[in-house]
Amino acid sequence: MEAINDFLTTILPYTEWPMFILLIGGGLFLVFYSKFVPFRYFGHALAVVSGKYEDKNAKGDVSSFQALSAAVAATVGLGNISGVAIAIHDGGPGVVFWIWMTALLGMGIKFYSGSLAIMFRGIDSQGKLQGGPMFYITQGMGNWAKPMAIFFSICGLVGFLGVFTANQFTEAFMGVVKPHETLFATSEYNWKLIIGFFLAIVTSGVIFGGLNKIAKVASAIVPFMVGVYLLAVIFVMASNAGDILPALKMIFVEAWNFDTMVTGGFWGLVIIGVRRAMFSNEAGLGSAPMYHGQSRNDEPTKEGLVAMLGPFIDTIMVCTFTAVVIILSGAYLEEGSGITMTMSAFEKTMYGIGDTLLMVIVAAFALSTLFTYSYYGVKSLSFLTNPKIGKWYNVFFVIMIVFAAVASLQLVKNLIDLSYALMVIPNMIAVLYLSPKVNAASKQYFQKMKKGA
């Protein structure tokens, strides 16, 4: 494992700059190119996801709400609890500001990619409608771009494994329950294996049921887990009301600290924020369009507006919840990173029971993420082969959950960071290339909407 980690650490810096340029540069271009239209119709996006404009005769497998729930279930997970803690640990409170900025750009990116997911849908070998980056790359850009779609799918076979979630859930469980100390004499490694097998078994019960079962479970879990987490954070903020403004001030001041001690200086701070925000809301990654492409919706702009809500819920809301608790508690000044830092913050601010409550929330976050992530991998393998073979990805997915439970955080983090950085490249090239088509479609849609059509 150490040899693999050393290799990943060596090549990761070479993939960060292309990712950074495409996400920040491409995101800025799309926001201005759209003339801020998607943001101006934020209220309409909420109406669409509520089902007000649902067309029951449209093609697709799930509702827009179910597609958004599944996409958010994949992103509102341990990346929001653990990933933000890692970012603050590595870059300080100022990194939260750059997470916010990346999230706003991510909303613009997801508007375009969500629209493309409906605009360019393909039919698989079983005659079923499919959407996602591999389809808008080949259908929208042409066969000359098929190598990009293949490259994206190959990277997805690794990037869409639930290794980070399984790893951090295991760490959280070990930190709260301490089974190797409080129960009977079993080594820590064996307990991690037990937890890994438990996660694998529970996950198997959902993911082998296919898209509809995943979407139903996700739409039930997501509102619950976000609501409970919000209530916990409100309690912490109410208990530390006098420290909220100083904490927010610290975020803004430290965001522009050009003398920061972060490795790489100021730009190192920005990159940490971009990387963790992208890991959190998957803006530019191309994962969410795989769910949005299955929506019962024939209008690309409507689905683009729904997709835009993902980064807002995931990063602007949930990541901020986590950051505020970590900063208010002072946990970011302690040793440790990842889920252990967040648990320490909740324990301090909720009178000793916060870590147990967080464990319950983490369990819901972790399982919903594992349920939904497997679908991305199945679609990637199905595109490379066919749907019959693609279903076997779930077997590989379940095995890797057990591996991740005993692997080191650094190895898992490097593996995911590299895969994500590589997947961003073909997806963002396609989104930028096809953005004029999205603008043309959205112009027609909003003109019809103004006429009451």
Protein backbone atom coordinates (compact mmCIF):
# COMPACT_ATOMS: atom_id res chain seq x y z
CA MET A 1 0.00 0.00 0.00
CA GLU A 2 2.88 2.39 0.76
CA ALA A 3 4.29 1.91 -2.75
CA ILE A 4 0.90 2.74 -4.30
CA ASN A 5 0.54 5.80 -2.08
CA ASP A 6 4.05 7.04 -2.98
CA PHE A 7 3.26 6.66 -6.70
CA LEU A 8 -0.02 8.57 -6.36
CA THR A 9 1.66 11.32 -4.35
CA THR A 10 4.26 11.73 -7.11
CA ILE A 11 1.87 12.09 -10.05
CA LEU A 12 -0.98 13.96 -8.31
CA PRO A 13 0.58 17.46 -8.63
CA TYR A 14 0.78 17.09 -12.42
CA THR A 15 -2.99 16.61 -12.66
CA GLU A 16 -4.01 19.38 -10.28
CA TRP A 17 -3.25 22.36 -12.52
CA PRO A 18 -5.31 21.16 -15.53
CA MET A 19 -8.16 20.47 -13.10
CA PHE A 20 -7.72 23.87 -11.46
CA ILE A 21 -7.69 25.75 -14.79
CA LEU A 22 -10.72 23.91 -16.17
CA LEU A 23 -12.80 24.24 -13.00
CA ILE A 24 -12.00 27.86 -12.14
CA GLY A 25 -11.36 29.17 -15.65
CA GLY A 26 -14.13 27.11 -17.21
CA GLY A 27 -16.53 27.85 -14.36
CA LEU A 28 -15.93 31.61 -14.60
CA PHE A 29 -16.43 31.48 -18.38
CA LEU A 30 -19.74 29.60 -18.05
CA VAL A 31 -21.10 31.91 -15.34
CA PHE A 32 -20.44 35.02 -17.47
CA TYR A 33 -21.37 33.27 -20.72
CA SER A 34 -24.77 32.42 -19.22
CA LYS A 35 -25.19 36.09 -18.24
CA PHE A 36 -26.11 34.83 -14.75
CA VAL A 37 -29.45 33.57 -16.12
CA PRO A 38 -29.50 30.28 -14.13
CA PHE A 39 -28.94 32.16 -10.86
CA ARG A 40 -31.79 34.58 -11.69
CA TYR A 41 -34.16 31.63 -12.03
CA PHE A 42 -33.25 30.01 -8.72
CA GLY A 43 -36.88 30.24 -7.56
CA HIS A 44 -38.07 28.56 -10.75
CA ALA A 45 -35.57 25.76 -10.12
CA LEU A 46 -37.18 25.14 -6.71
CA ALA A 47 -40.60 25.04 -8.37
CA VAL A 48 -39.40 22.52 -10.96
CA VAL A 49 -37.89 20.18 -8.35
CA SER A 50 -41.11 20.37 -6.33
CA GLY A 51 -42.88 18.73 -9.26
CA LYS A 52 -44.90 21.75 -10.35
CA TYR A 53 -43.79 21.44 -13.98
CA GLU A 54 -43.39 17.67 -14.19
CA ASP A 55 -44.38 16.09 -17.51
CA LYS A 56 -45.58 12.56 -16.80
CA ASN A 57 -45.42 11.71 -20.50
CA ALA A 58 -41.73 12.59 -20.78
CA LYS A 59 -39.09 9.90 -21.28
CA GLY A 60 -37.02 8.77 -18.32
CA ASP A 61 -36.93 6.48 -15.30
CA VAL A 62 -37.14 8.81 -12.26
CA SER A 63 -38.55 12.23 -11.36
CA SER A 64 -36.33 15.32 -11.26
CA PHE A 65 -36.67 15.31 -7.46
CA GLN A 66 -35.48 11.69 -7.28
CA ALA A 67 -32.60 12.45 -9.65
CA LEU A 68 -31.55 15.45 -7.53
CA SER A 69 -31.93 13.41 -4.33
CA ALA A 70 -29.75 10.64 -5.71
CA ALA A 71 -27.12 13.11 -6.97
CA VAL A 72 -27.14 15.00 -3.65
CA ALA A 73 -27.05 11.73 -1.69
CA ALA A 74 -23.80 10.95 -3.49
CA THR A 75 -22.34 14.36 -2.63
CA VAL A 76 -23.90 15.19 0.75
CA GLY A 77 -21.87 12.63 2.57
CA LEU A 78 -18.60 12.27 4.40
CA GLY A 79 -17.02 14.71 1.96
CA ASN A 80 -19.02 17.43 3.73
CA ILE A 81 -18.14 16.23 7.23
CA SER A 82 -14.66 14.83 6.72
CA GLY A 83 -13.53 16.61 3.54
CA VAL A 84 -14.18 20.08 4.97
CA ALA A 85 -12.29 19.13 8.14
CA ILE A 86 -9.35 17.98 6.02
CA ALA A 87 -9.43 21.27 4.08
CA ILE A 88 -9.49 23.42 7.24
CA HIS A 89 -6.75 21.28 8.79
CA ASP A 90 -4.55 21.66 5.68
CA GLY A 91 -5.34 25.29 4.82
CA GLY A 92 -6.91 26.97 7.86
CA PRO A 93 -10.33 28.71 8.14
CA GLY A 94 -9.68 30.82 5.02
CA VAL A 95 -10.05 27.77 2.82
CA VAL A 96 -13.83 27.84 3.46
CA PHE A 97 -14.14 31.04 1.40
CA TRP A 98 -12.59 29.33 -1.62
CA ILE A 99 -14.89 26.37 -1.10
CA TRP A 100 -17.82 28.81 -1.35
CA MET A 101 -16.45 30.44 -4.51
CA THR A 102 -15.92 27.08 -6.16
CA ALA A 103 -19.48 26.10 -5.20
CA LEU A 104 -20.93 29.16 -6.97
CA LEU A 105 -18.95 28.28 -10.08
CA GLY A 106 -20.07 24.69 -9.59
CA MET A 107 -23.70 25.77 -9.75
CA GLY A 108 -23.02 27.26 -13.17
CA ILE A 109 -21.15 24.16 -14.34
CA LYS A 110 -23.93 21.85 -13.16
CA PHE A 111 -26.55 23.92 -14.97
CA TYR A 112 -24.73 23.26 -18.22
CA SER A 113 -23.88 19.61 -17.57
CA GLY A 114 -27.40 18.85 -16.29
CA SER A 115 -28.88 20.39 -19.42
CA LEU A 116 -26.54 18.37 -21.64
CA ALA A 117 -27.53 15.18 -19.80
CA ILE A 118 -31.07 15.56 -21.21
CA MET A 119 -30.10 17.16 -24.52
CA PHE A 120 -27.85 14.27 -25.59
CA ARG A 121 -29.17 10.96 -24.38
CA GLY A 122 -28.26 7.63 -25.93
CA ILE A 123 -29.79 4.17 -26.13
CA ASP A 124 -27.83 1.23 -24.72
CA SER A 125 -27.70 -2.29 -26.15
CA GLN A 126 -30.81 -3.22 -24.13
CA GLY A 127 -32.80 -0.39 -25.66
CA LYS A 128 -32.84 1.73 -22.47
CA LEU A 129 -32.41 5.51 -22.41
CA GLN A 130 -29.08 6.61 -20.90
CA GLY A 131 -27.52 9.99 -20.11
CA GLY A 132 -24.24 11.31 -18.75
CA PRO A 133 -20.85 12.64 -19.86
CA MET A 134 -19.99 9.62 -22.00
CA PHE A 135 -23.18 10.20 -23.98
CA TYR A 136 -23.02 13.97 -24.42
CA ILE A 137 -19.37 13.60 -25.39
CA THR A 138 -20.12 11.05 -28.14
CA GLN A 139 -23.59 12.31 -29.14
CA GLY A 140 -22.80 16.02 -28.91
CA MET A 141 -19.18 16.19 -30.04
CA GLY A 142 -19.17 13.24 -32.45
CA ASN A 143 -17.28 9.97 -32.78
CA TRP A 144 -13.92 11.77 -32.94
CA ALA A 145 -14.36 12.51 -29.22
CA LYS A 146 -15.16 8.92 -28.23
CA PRO A 147 -11.62 8.37 -26.78
CA MET A 148 -12.47 11.14 -24.28
CA ALA A 149 -15.61 9.27 -23.24
CA ILE A 150 -13.64 6.04 -22.88
CA PHE A 151 -10.96 7.79 -20.80
CA PHE A 152 -13.65 9.31 -18.55
CA SER A 153 -15.28 5.91 -18.03
CA ILE A 154 -11.99 4.16 -17.25
CA CYS A 155 -11.15 6.77 -14.60
CA GLY A 156 -14.69 6.40 -13.28
CA LEU A 157 -14.13 2.73 -12.51
CA VAL A 158 -11.77 3.89 -9.76
CA GLY A 159 -13.14 7.35 -8.97
CA PHE A 160 -16.64 6.07 -8.30
CA LEU A 161 -15.61 3.50 -5.74
CA GLY A 162 -16.90 4.31 -2.27
CA VAL A 163 -13.46 4.02 -0.70
CA PHE A 164 -13.31 7.45 0.96
CA THR A 165 -16.76 7.03 2.50
CA ALA A 166 -16.04 3.51 3.78
CA ASN A 167 -12.69 4.62 5.21
CA GLN A 168 -14.04 7.63 7.07
CA PHE A 169 -17.14 5.80 8.37
CA THR A 170 -14.83 3.16 9.83
CA GLU A 171 -12.68 5.82 11.49
CA ALA A 172 -15.78 7.50 12.92
CA PHE A 173 -17.13 4.24 14.32
CA MET A 174 -13.78 3.30 15.85
CA GLY A 175 -13.47 6.77 17.39
CA VAL A 176 -16.87 6.74 19.10
CA VAL A 177 -17.43 3.10 20.05
CA LYS A 178 -13.79 2.04 20.47
CA PRO A 179 -14.80 -1.64 20.09
CA HIS A 180 -11.22 -2.86 20.34
CA GLU A 181 -11.09 -1.44 23.88
CA THR A 182 -14.62 -1.67 25.27
CA LEU A 183 -15.81 -5.03 24.04
CA PHE A 184 -13.53 -8.01 23.81
CA ALA A 185 -9.92 -8.54 22.86
CA THR A 186 -9.92 -8.20 19.08
CA SER A 187 -7.33 -6.21 17.17
CA GLU A 188 -8.18 -2.83 15.66
CA TYR A 189 -7.47 -4.23 12.18
CA ASN A 190 -10.00 -7.04 12.68
CA TRP A 191 -12.63 -4.60 13.91
CA LYS A 192 -12.13 -2.50 10.81
CA LEU A 193 -12.63 -5.61 8.69
CA ILE A 194 -15.86 -6.35 10.57
CA ILE A 195 -17.12 -2.81 9.92
CA GLY A 196 -16.12 -3.10 6.27
CA PHE A 197 -18.05 -6.35 5.85
CA PHE A 198 -21.08 -4.81 7.58
CA LEU A 199 -21.06 -1.84 5.18
CA ALA A 200 -20.60 -4.18 2.23
CA ILE A 201 -23.58 -6.34 3.22
CA VAL A 202 -25.95 -3.40 3.85
CA THR A 203 -24.88 -1.69 0.61
CA SER A 204 -25.45 -4.89 -1.37
CA GLY A 205 -29.06 -4.99 -0.21
CA VAL A 206 -29.77 -1.75 -2.09
CA ILE A 207 -27.40 -1.42 -5.05
CA PHE A 208 -28.29 -4.75 -6.66
CA GLY A 209 -31.89 -3.47 -6.88
CA GLY A 210 -30.95 -1.02 -9.64
CA LEU A 211 -31.62 2.66 -10.28
CA ASN A 212 -35.24 2.82 -9.09
CA LYS A 213 -34.47 1.28 -5.69
CA ILE A 214 -31.43 3.54 -5.22
CA ALA A 215 -33.51 6.63 -6.14
CA LYS A 216 -36.34 5.70 -3.73
CA VAL A 217 -33.96 5.09 -0.83
CA ALA A 218 -32.01 8.28 -1.57
CA SER A 219 -35.13 10.47 -1.75
CA ALA A 220 -36.14 9.13 1.67
CA ILE A 221 -32.75 9.50 3.39
CA VAL A 222 -31.47 12.83 2.00
CA PRO A 223 -34.11 15.23 3.46
CA PHE A 224 -33.90 13.44 6.83
CA MET A 225 -30.11 13.50 7.18
CA VAL A 226 -29.72 17.11 6.03
CA GLY A 227 -32.51 18.19 8.41
CA VAL A 228 -31.00 16.46 11.45
CA TYR A 229 -27.55 17.83 10.66
CA LEU A 230 -28.99 21.35 10.30
CA LEU A 231 -30.72 21.10 13.70
CA ALA A 232 -27.47 19.96 15.35
CA VAL A 233 -25.56 22.88 13.84
CA ILE A 234 -28.26 25.39 14.83
CA PHE A 235 -27.95 24.15 18.42
CA VAL A 236 -24.17 24.63 18.32
CA MET A 237 -24.49 28.11 16.81
CA ALA A 238 -27.15 29.13 19.36
CA SER A 239 -24.90 27.94 22.19
CA ASN A 240 -21.98 29.98 20.81
CA ALA A 241 -23.85 32.93 19.31
CA GLY A 242 -21.22 35.46 20.34
CA ASP A 243 -18.48 33.65 18.44
CA ILE A 244 -20.28 33.35 15.08
CA LEU A 245 -19.34 36.75 13.63
CA PRO A 246 -15.65 36.44 14.67
CA ALA A 247 -15.58 32.98 13.05
CA LEU A 248 -17.03 34.32 9.78
CA LYS A 249 -14.61 37.26 9.91
CA MET A 250 -11.73 34.82 10.33
CA ILE A 251 -12.85 32.95 7.19
CA PHE A 252 -12.84 36.12 5.06
CA VAL A 253 -9.59 37.53 6.49
CA GLU A 254 -7.64 34.28 6.25
CA ALA A 255 -8.90 33.69 2.69
CA TRP A 256 -6.70 36.59 1.54
CA ASN A 257 -3.69 35.82 3.71
CA PHE A 258 -0.83 36.02 1.21
CA ASP A 259 1.64 35.09 3.95
CA THR A 260 -0.15 31.84 4.78
CA MET A 261 1.92 28.94 6.07
CA VAL A 262 0.07 26.52 3.80
CA THR A 263 2.31 24.50 1.50
CA GLY A 264 2.37 26.41 -1.78
CA GLY A 265 1.45 29.70 -0.10
CA PHE A 266 -1.68 31.59 -1.13
CA TRP A 267 -2.23 29.53 -4.27
CA GLY A 268 -1.80 26.37 -2.23
CA LEU A 269 -4.66 27.61 -0.05
CA VAL A 270 -6.85 28.24 -3.10
CA ILE A 271 -6.07 24.82 -4.59
CA ILE A 272 -6.99 23.08 -1.32
CA GLY A 273 -10.34 24.88 -1.38
CA VAL A 274 -10.99 24.02 -5.03
CA ARG A 275 -10.00 20.37 -4.56
CA ARG A 276 -12.15 19.82 -1.48
CA ALA A 277 -15.14 21.74 -2.92
CA MET A 278 -14.96 19.69 -6.10
CA PHE A 279 -14.71 16.54 -4.03
CA SER A 280 -17.71 17.71 -2.01
CA ASN A 281 -20.15 18.79 -4.73
CA GLU A 282 -18.46 17.07 -7.71
CA ALA A 283 -18.80 20.18 -9.87
CA GLY A 284 -17.23 19.49 -13.25
CA LEU A 285 -16.73 15.84 -12.42
CA GLY A 286 -19.60 14.58 -14.54
CA SER A 287 -21.19 12.27 -11.98
CA ALA A 288 -24.50 14.06 -11.32
CA PRO A 289 -25.45 14.18 -15.04
CA MET A 290 -25.63 10.38 -14.95
CA TYR A 291 -28.62 10.62 -12.62
CA HIS A 292 -30.11 13.74 -14.20
CA GLY A 293 -29.91 12.03 -17.58
CA GLN A 294 -32.44 9.47 -16.33
CA SER A 295 -35.05 12.07 -15.33
CA ARG A 296 -38.56 12.01 -16.78
CA ASN A 297 -37.89 15.25 -18.56
CA ASP A 298 -37.61 16.23 -22.21
CA GLU A 299 -36.66 19.84 -21.49
CA PRO A 300 -32.86 20.27 -20.99
CA THR A 301 -33.05 23.67 -19.29
CA LYS A 302 -35.45 22.45 -16.61
CA GLU A 303 -33.10 19.65 -15.65
CA GLY A 304 -30.13 22.02 -15.75
CA LEU A 305 -31.85 24.26 -13.20
CA VAL A 306 -32.55 21.25 -10.97
CA ALA A 307 -28.94 20.10 -11.22
CA MET A 308 -27.79 23.61 -10.25
CA LEU A 309 -29.38 23.15 -6.81
CA GLY A 310 -26.96 20.33 -5.96
CA PRO A 311 -23.87 22.45 -5.15
CA PHE A 312 -26.03 24.93 -3.23
CA ILE A 313 -27.44 22.24 -0.92
CA ASP A 314 -24.21 20.30 -0.68
CA THR A 315 -21.57 23.00 -0.33
CA ILE A 316 -23.11 26.38 0.41
CA MET A 317 -25.33 24.83 3.09
CA VAL A 318 -23.93 21.57 4.47
CA CYS A 319 -20.20 22.32 4.15
CA THR A 320 -20.76 25.67 5.84
CA PHE A 321 -22.53 23.90 8.72
CA THR A 322 -19.46 21.74 9.27
CA ALA A 323 -16.99 24.58 8.94
CA VAL A 324 -18.81 26.77 11.47
CA VAL A 325 -18.84 24.01 14.10
CA ILE A 326 -15.15 23.20 13.56
CA ILE A 327 -14.11 26.85 13.82
CA LEU A 328 -16.37 27.68 16.80
CA SER A 329 -15.07 24.69 18.73
CA GLY A 330 -11.40 25.44 17.95
CA ALA A 331 -10.98 21.80 16.85
CA TYR A 332 -9.06 22.92 13.75
CA LEU A 333 -6.15 23.91 16.03
CA GLU A 334 -5.76 20.36 17.34
CA GLU A 335 -3.85 17.43 15.91
CA GLY A 336 -5.79 15.11 13.68
CA SER A 337 -7.68 15.44 10.45
CA GLY A 338 -10.73 14.13 8.66
CA ILE A 339 -13.69 12.76 10.54
CA THR A 340 -11.91 12.72 13.92
CA MET A 341 -11.59 16.52 13.88
CA THR A 342 -15.31 16.99 13.15
CA MET A 343 -16.28 14.52 15.86
CA SER A 344 -14.09 16.35 18.35
CA ALA A 345 -15.78 19.61 17.39
CA PHE A 346 -19.29 18.21 17.94
CA GLU A 347 -18.29 16.53 21.20
CA LYS A 348 -16.98 19.83 22.59
CA THR A 349 -19.93 21.93 21.50
CA MET A 350 -22.76 19.51 22.37
CA TYR A 351 -21.89 18.64 25.97
CA GLY A 352 -20.18 15.32 25.30
CA ILE A 353 -22.94 13.68 23.26
CA GLY A 354 -22.23 15.41 19.97
CA ASP A 355 -19.86 12.73 18.71
CA THR A 356 -22.50 10.03 19.25
CA LEU A 357 -25.15 12.11 17.46
CA LEU A 358 -22.72 12.76 14.64
CA MET A 359 -22.09 9.03 14.39
CA VAL A 360 -25.80 8.48 13.66
CA ILE A 361 -25.73 11.24 11.02
CA VAL A 362 -22.51 9.84 9.55
CA ALA A 363 -24.12 6.42 9.22
CA ALA A 364 -26.96 7.88 7.15
CA PHE A 365 -24.54 9.99 5.08
CA ALA A 366 -22.19 7.06 4.46
CA LEU A 367 -24.85 4.56 3.42
CA SER A 368 -26.65 6.98 1.09
CA THR A 369 -23.35 7.84 -0.60
CA LEU A 370 -22.41 4.19 -1.04
CA PHE A 371 -25.86 3.36 -2.45
CA THR A 372 -25.71 6.09 -5.07
CA TYR A 373 -22.03 5.92 -6.02
CA SER A 374 -22.25 2.35 -7.22
CA TYR A 375 -24.62 3.44 -10.00
CA TYR A 376 -21.97 5.73 -11.48
CA GLY A 377 -19.50 2.87 -11.70
CA VAL A 378 -22.10 0.58 -13.27
CA LYS A 379 -22.78 3.17 -15.98
CA SER A 380 -19.06 3.61 -16.62
CA LEU A 381 -18.45 -0.13 -17.05
CA SER A 382 -21.65 -0.51 -19.08
CA PHE A 383 -20.45 2.14 -21.52
CA LEU A 384 -17.08 0.43 -21.89
CA THR A 385 -18.69 -3.00 -22.37
CA ASN A 386 -22.47 -3.53 -22.18
CA PRO A 387 -25.20 -3.34 -19.49
CA LYS A 388 -25.02 -7.07 -18.68
CA ILE A 389 -21.31 -6.85 -17.85
CA GLY A 390 -21.75 -3.42 -16.27
CA LYS A 391 -23.85 -4.85 -13.45
CA TRP A 392 -20.82 -6.83 -12.28
CA TYR A 393 -19.19 -3.57 -11.20
CA ASN A 394 -21.30 -3.80 -8.04
CA VAL A 395 -19.38 -6.91 -7.01
CA PHE A 396 -16.05 -5.05 -7.37
CA PHE A 397 -17.60 -2.05 -5.58
CA VAL A 398 -18.60 -4.16 -2.56
CA ILE A 399 -15.16 -5.83 -2.33
CA MET A 400 -13.44 -2.43 -2.35
CA ILE A 401 -15.58 -1.25 0.57
CA VAL A 402 -13.87 -3.88 2.72
CA PHE A 403 -10.44 -2.84 1.38
CA ALA A 404 -11.12 0.84 2.13
CA ALA A 405 -12.10 0.07 5.72
CA VAL A 406 -8.53 -1.02 6.53
CA ALA A 407 -6.63 1.33 4.16
CA SER A 408 -4.93 4.56 5.27
CA LEU A 409 -6.68 7.92 4.82
CA GLN A 410 -3.74 9.27 2.79
CA LEU A 411 -3.90 6.42 0.27
CA VAL A 412 -7.66 6.72 -0.14
CA LYS A 413 -7.51 10.52 -0.42
CA ASN A 414 -4.77 10.41 -3.07
CA LEU A 415 -6.57 7.72 -5.05
CA ILE A 416 -9.79 9.71 -5.22
CA ASP A 417 -8.10 13.08 -5.82
CA LEU A 418 -6.18 11.66 -8.80
CA SER A 419 -9.21 9.94 -10.32
CA TYR A 420 -11.37 13.05 -9.92
CA ALA A 421 -8.73 15.33 -11.43
CA LEU A 422 -8.44 13.09 -14.49
CA MET A 423 -12.22 12.81 -14.93
CA VAL A 424 -12.68 16.59 -14.83
CA ILE A 425 -10.52 17.05 -17.94
CA PRO A 426 -12.69 15.29 -20.60
CA ASN A 427 -15.96 16.30 -18.93
CA MET A 428 -15.18 20.02 -18.71
CA ILE A 429 -13.80 20.09 -22.27
CA ALA A 430 -17.13 18.65 -23.46
CA VAL A 431 -19.23 21.03 -21.33
CA LEU A 432 -17.34 24.07 -22.62
CA TYR A 433 -17.45 22.82 -26.23
CA LEU A 434 -21.21 22.24 -26.10
CA SER A 435 -22.14 25.31 -24.01
CA PRO A 436 -23.48 27.29 -27.02
CA LYS A 437 -26.12 24.60 -27.53
CA VAL A 438 -27.19 24.93 -23.89
CA ASN A 439 -27.46 28.71 -24.23
CA ALA A 440 -29.61 28.36 -27.35
CA ALA A 441 -31.93 25.86 -25.63
CA SER A 442 -32.24 27.95 -22.47
CA LYS A 443 -33.04 31.09 -24.49
CA GLN A 444 -35.95 29.28 -26.15
CA TYR A 445 -37.13 27.82 -22.83
CA PHE A 446 -37.21 31.14 -20.98
CA GLN A 447 -38.93 32.84 -23.90
CA LYS A 448 -41.67 30.16 -23.80
CA MET A 449 -41.90 30.53 -20.03
CA LYS A 450 -42.44 34.28 -20.29
CA LYS A 451 -45.24 33.65 -22.78
CA GLY A 452 -46.83 31.23 -20.33
CA ALA A 453 -46.29 28.19 -22.54
